Amino acid sequence: APVQLYRDGVTTDYRSMETGWETSFVQATRHGIEALRRGEQPRLSGRDAREILRFALAAQESARTGAAVRLEPDTMESQA
């Protein structure tokens, strides 16, 4: 079923949407590159992106090994 967005008296239908979580990584990367090219601030900071990557890599490791992966505090964050 399509997703409908109703805002300010206008209804917009979205029928073909990417639903895989991996799409968000591709889109965020593209947005970041385009923002840098235009001299604009990207939606995600470099620190935000690094934290997302740490989480994604830990999730992959956990799925691969079947064990819990503990994320320690980001040492680079504490040095900032």
N, C-alpha and C. Protein backbone atom coordinates (compact mmCIF):
# COMPACT_ATOMS: atom_id res chain seq x y z
N ALA A 1 0.85 -1.19 0.00
CA ALA A 1 0.00 0.00 0.00
C ALA A 1 0.89 1.24 0.00
N PRO A 2 0.45 2.26 -0.68
CA PRO A 2 1.26 3.48 -0.72
C PRO A 2 1.21 4.21 0.62
N VAL A 3 2.21 5.02 0.84
CA VAL A 3 2.23 5.90 2.01
C VAL A 3 1.70 7.25 1.54
N GLN A 4 0.80 7.83 2.33
CA GLN A 4 0.27 9.14 1.99
C GLN A 4 0.69 10.15 3.05
N LEU A 5 1.12 11.30 2.57
CA LEU A 5 1.48 12.41 3.45
C LEU A 5 0.50 13.54 3.19
N TYR A 6 -0.16 13.99 4.24
CA TYR A 6 -1.09 15.12 4.13
C TYR A 6 -0.51 16.28 4.91
N ARG A 7 -0.22 17.37 4.21
CA ARG A 7 0.36 18.54 4.87
C ARG A 7 -0.12 19.79 4.15
N ASP A 8 -0.57 20.74 4.94
CA ASP A 8 -1.02 22.04 4.41
C ASP A 8 -2.05 21.88 3.30
N GLY A 9 -2.98 20.95 3.48
CA GLY A 9 -4.06 20.76 2.51
C GLY A 9 -3.67 20.00 1.26
N VAL A 10 -2.46 19.49 1.21
CA VAL A 10 -1.98 18.76 0.02
C VAL A 10 -1.66 17.32 0.42
N THR A 11 -2.17 16.37 -0.37
CA THR A 11 -1.87 14.96 -0.15
C THR A 11 -0.84 14.51 -1.17
N THR A 12 0.22 13.87 -0.69
CA THR A 12 1.27 13.35 -1.56
C THR A 12 1.36 11.85 -1.36
N ASP A 13 1.32 11.08 -2.45
CA ASP A 13 1.43 9.63 -2.40
C ASP A 13 2.86 9.21 -2.69
N TYR A 14 3.35 8.26 -1.91
CA TYR A 14 4.66 7.66 -2.14
C TYR A 14 4.43 6.18 -2.38
N ARG A 15 4.59 5.73 -3.60
CA ARG A 15 4.29 4.34 -3.96
C ARG A 15 5.53 3.46 -4.07
N SER A 16 6.64 4.04 -4.42
CA SER A 16 7.84 3.25 -4.61
C SER A 16 8.93 3.82 -3.72
N MET A 17 9.09 3.21 -2.55
CA MET A 17 10.06 3.71 -1.59
C MET A 17 11.06 2.61 -1.26
N GLU A 18 12.31 2.99 -1.13
CA GLU A 18 13.33 2.05 -0.68
C GLU A 18 13.06 1.75 0.79
N THR A 19 13.06 0.47 1.15
CA THR A 19 12.75 0.12 2.54
C THR A 19 13.91 -0.54 3.26
N GLY A 20 14.97 -0.90 2.57
CA GLY A 20 16.10 -1.54 3.22
C GLY A 20 16.89 -0.53 4.04
N TRP A 21 17.34 -0.96 5.21
CA TRP A 21 18.09 -0.05 6.08
C TRP A 21 19.36 0.44 5.42
N GLU A 22 19.93 -0.38 4.54
CA GLU A 22 21.19 0.01 3.89
C GLU A 22 21.02 1.24 3.01
N THR A 23 19.80 1.47 2.53
CA THR A 23 19.54 2.64 1.70
C THR A 23 19.82 3.93 2.47
N SER A 24 19.55 3.92 3.78
CA SER A 24 19.79 5.13 4.57
C SER A 24 21.26 5.51 4.60
N PHE A 25 22.15 4.51 4.61
CA PHE A 25 23.59 4.79 4.60
C PHE A 25 24.00 5.43 3.27
N VAL A 26 23.48 4.88 2.18
CA VAL A 26 23.80 5.42 0.86
C VAL A 26 23.29 6.85 0.74
N GLN A 27 22.04 7.07 1.15
CA GLN A 27 21.46 8.41 1.04
C GLN A 27 22.18 9.42 1.93
N ALA A 28 22.53 9.02 3.14
CA ALA A 28 23.24 9.93 4.05
C ALA A 28 24.61 10.29 3.49
N THR A 29 25.29 9.31 2.90
CA THR A 29 26.60 9.57 2.31
C THR A 29 26.48 10.53 1.14
N ARG A 30 25.51 10.29 0.27
CA ARG A 30 25.29 11.18 -0.87
C ARG A 30 24.97 12.60 -0.41
N HIS A 31 24.10 12.70 0.59
CA HIS A 31 23.75 14.02 1.11
C HIS A 31 24.99 14.73 1.67
N GLY A 32 25.80 14.02 2.44
CA GLY A 32 27.00 14.61 3.03
C GLY A 32 27.96 15.12 1.98
N ILE A 33 28.16 14.33 0.94
CA ILE A 33 29.06 14.74 -0.15
C ILE A 33 28.52 15.97 -0.85
N GLU A 34 27.22 15.96 -1.17
CA GLU A 34 26.62 17.11 -1.86
C GLU A 34 26.67 18.37 -0.99
N ALA A 35 26.42 18.22 0.30
CA ALA A 35 26.48 19.38 1.19
C ALA A 35 27.88 19.97 1.22
N LEU A 36 28.89 19.11 1.29
CA LEU A 36 30.27 19.59 1.29
C LEU A 36 30.62 20.27 -0.02
N ARG A 37 30.14 19.72 -1.13
CA ARG A 37 30.40 20.34 -2.44
C ARG A 37 29.79 21.74 -2.51
N ARG A 38 28.62 21.92 -1.89
CA ARG A 38 27.94 23.21 -1.93
C ARG A 38 28.39 24.15 -0.81
N GLY A 39 29.28 23.66 0.05
CA GLY A 39 29.74 24.48 1.16
C GLY A 39 28.70 24.61 2.26
N GLU A 40 27.79 23.64 2.35
CA GLU A 40 26.73 23.66 3.36
C GLU A 40 27.05 22.68 4.48
N GLN A 41 26.34 22.82 5.57
CA GLN A 41 26.49 21.91 6.71
C GLN A 41 25.63 20.67 6.46
N PRO A 42 26.21 19.46 6.50
CA PRO A 42 25.40 18.25 6.33
C PRO A 42 24.49 18.03 7.53
N ARG A 43 23.41 17.25 7.33
CA ARG A 43 22.49 16.95 8.43
C ARG A 43 23.20 16.23 9.56
N LEU A 44 24.09 15.32 9.23
CA LEU A 44 24.85 14.57 10.24
C LEU A 44 26.26 15.13 10.33
N SER A 45 26.71 15.32 11.55
CA SER A 45 28.10 15.75 11.73
C SER A 45 29.02 14.55 11.52
N GLY A 46 30.29 14.80 11.41
CA GLY A 46 31.25 13.70 11.31
C GLY A 46 31.19 12.80 12.53
N ARG A 47 31.01 13.39 13.70
CA ARG A 47 30.89 12.60 14.94
C ARG A 47 29.65 11.71 14.90
N ASP A 48 28.52 12.28 14.45
CA ASP A 48 27.30 11.48 14.34
C ASP A 48 27.52 10.30 13.40
N ALA A 49 28.12 10.57 12.25
CA ALA A 49 28.36 9.52 11.26
C ALA A 49 29.27 8.44 11.83
N ARG A 50 30.30 8.84 12.58
CA ARG A 50 31.22 7.87 13.17
C ARG A 50 30.48 6.98 14.18
N GLU A 51 29.60 7.56 14.98
CA GLU A 51 28.84 6.78 15.95
C GLU A 51 27.90 5.79 15.26
N ILE A 52 27.27 6.22 14.19
CA ILE A 52 26.40 5.33 13.43
C ILE A 52 27.20 4.18 12.85
N LEU A 53 28.38 4.47 12.32
CA LEU A 53 29.24 3.43 11.77
C LEU A 53 29.68 2.45 12.85
N ARG A 54 30.06 2.97 14.03
CA ARG A 54 30.46 2.08 15.13
C ARG A 54 29.32 1.13 15.51
N PHE A 55 28.12 1.68 15.58
CA PHE A 55 26.96 0.87 15.92
C PHE A 55 26.69 -0.19 14.85
N ALA A 56 26.73 0.20 13.58
CA ALA A 56 26.47 -0.73 12.49
C ALA A 56 27.51 -1.85 12.45
N LEU A 57 28.78 -1.50 12.65
CA LEU A 57 29.83 -2.53 12.65
C LEU A 57 29.69 -3.47 13.83
N ALA A 58 29.28 -2.95 14.99
CA ALA A 58 29.05 -3.80 16.15
C ALA A 58 27.87 -4.74 15.91
N ALA A 59 26.83 -4.24 15.27
CA ALA A 59 25.68 -5.09 14.95
C ALA A 59 26.07 -6.20 13.98
N GLN A 60 26.89 -5.88 12.99
CA GLN A 60 27.36 -6.91 12.06
C GLN A 60 28.20 -7.96 12.77
N GLU A 61 29.08 -7.52 13.65
CA GLU A 61 29.93 -8.45 14.40
C GLU A 61 29.08 -9.36 15.28
N SER A 62 28.08 -8.80 15.92
CA SER A 62 27.18 -9.59 16.76
C SER A 62 26.42 -10.62 15.93
N ALA A 63 25.94 -10.21 14.76
CA ALA A 63 25.23 -11.15 13.89
C ALA A 63 26.16 -12.25 13.40
N ARG A 64 27.40 -11.89 13.10
CA ARG A 64 28.36 -12.88 12.60
C ARG A 64 28.75 -13.89 13.67
N THR A 65 28.96 -13.42 14.90
CA THR A 65 29.45 -14.29 15.97
C THR A 65 28.35 -14.87 16.84
N GLY A 66 27.18 -14.25 16.82
CA GLY A 66 26.10 -14.69 17.69
C GLY A 66 26.27 -14.24 19.13
N ALA A 67 27.22 -13.36 19.38
CA ALA A 67 27.51 -12.89 20.73
C ALA A 67 27.22 -11.39 20.85
N ALA A 68 26.96 -10.97 22.07
CA ALA A 68 26.76 -9.54 22.32
C ALA A 68 28.07 -8.80 22.09
N VAL A 69 27.99 -7.62 21.54
CA VAL A 69 29.16 -6.77 21.33
C VAL A 69 28.96 -5.51 22.17
N ARG A 70 29.89 -5.28 23.06
CA ARG A 70 29.80 -4.11 23.94
C ARG A 70 30.49 -2.93 23.28
N LEU A 71 29.78 -1.83 23.18
CA LEU A 71 30.36 -0.61 22.64
C LEU A 71 30.89 0.24 23.79
N GLU A 72 32.17 0.44 23.79
CA GLU A 72 32.79 1.30 24.80
C GLU A 72 32.58 2.76 24.40
N PRO A 73 32.66 3.67 25.36
CA PRO A 73 32.54 5.09 25.00
C PRO A 73 33.57 5.46 23.93
N ASP A 74 33.18 6.33 23.05
CA ASP A 74 34.05 6.77 21.96
C ASP A 74 35.19 7.60 22.56
N THR A 75 36.41 7.10 22.45
CA THR A 75 37.56 7.81 23.04
C THR A 75 37.84 9.11 22.31
N MET A 76 37.54 9.19 21.02
CA MET A 76 37.76 10.44 20.29
C MET A 76 36.78 11.50 20.78
N GLU A 77 35.56 11.09 21.13
CA GLU A 77 34.56 12.04 21.61
C GLU A 77 35.01 12.67 22.93
N SER A 78 35.60 11.87 23.81
CA SER A 78 36.02 12.39 25.11
C SER A 78 37.22 13.32 24.99
N GLN A 79 37.95 13.26 23.87
CA GLN A 79 39.11 14.12 23.67
C GLN A 79 38.73 15.46 23.06
N ALA A 80 37.49 15.56 22.57
CA ALA A 80 37.06 16.79 21.89
C ALA A 80 36.81 17.92 22.85
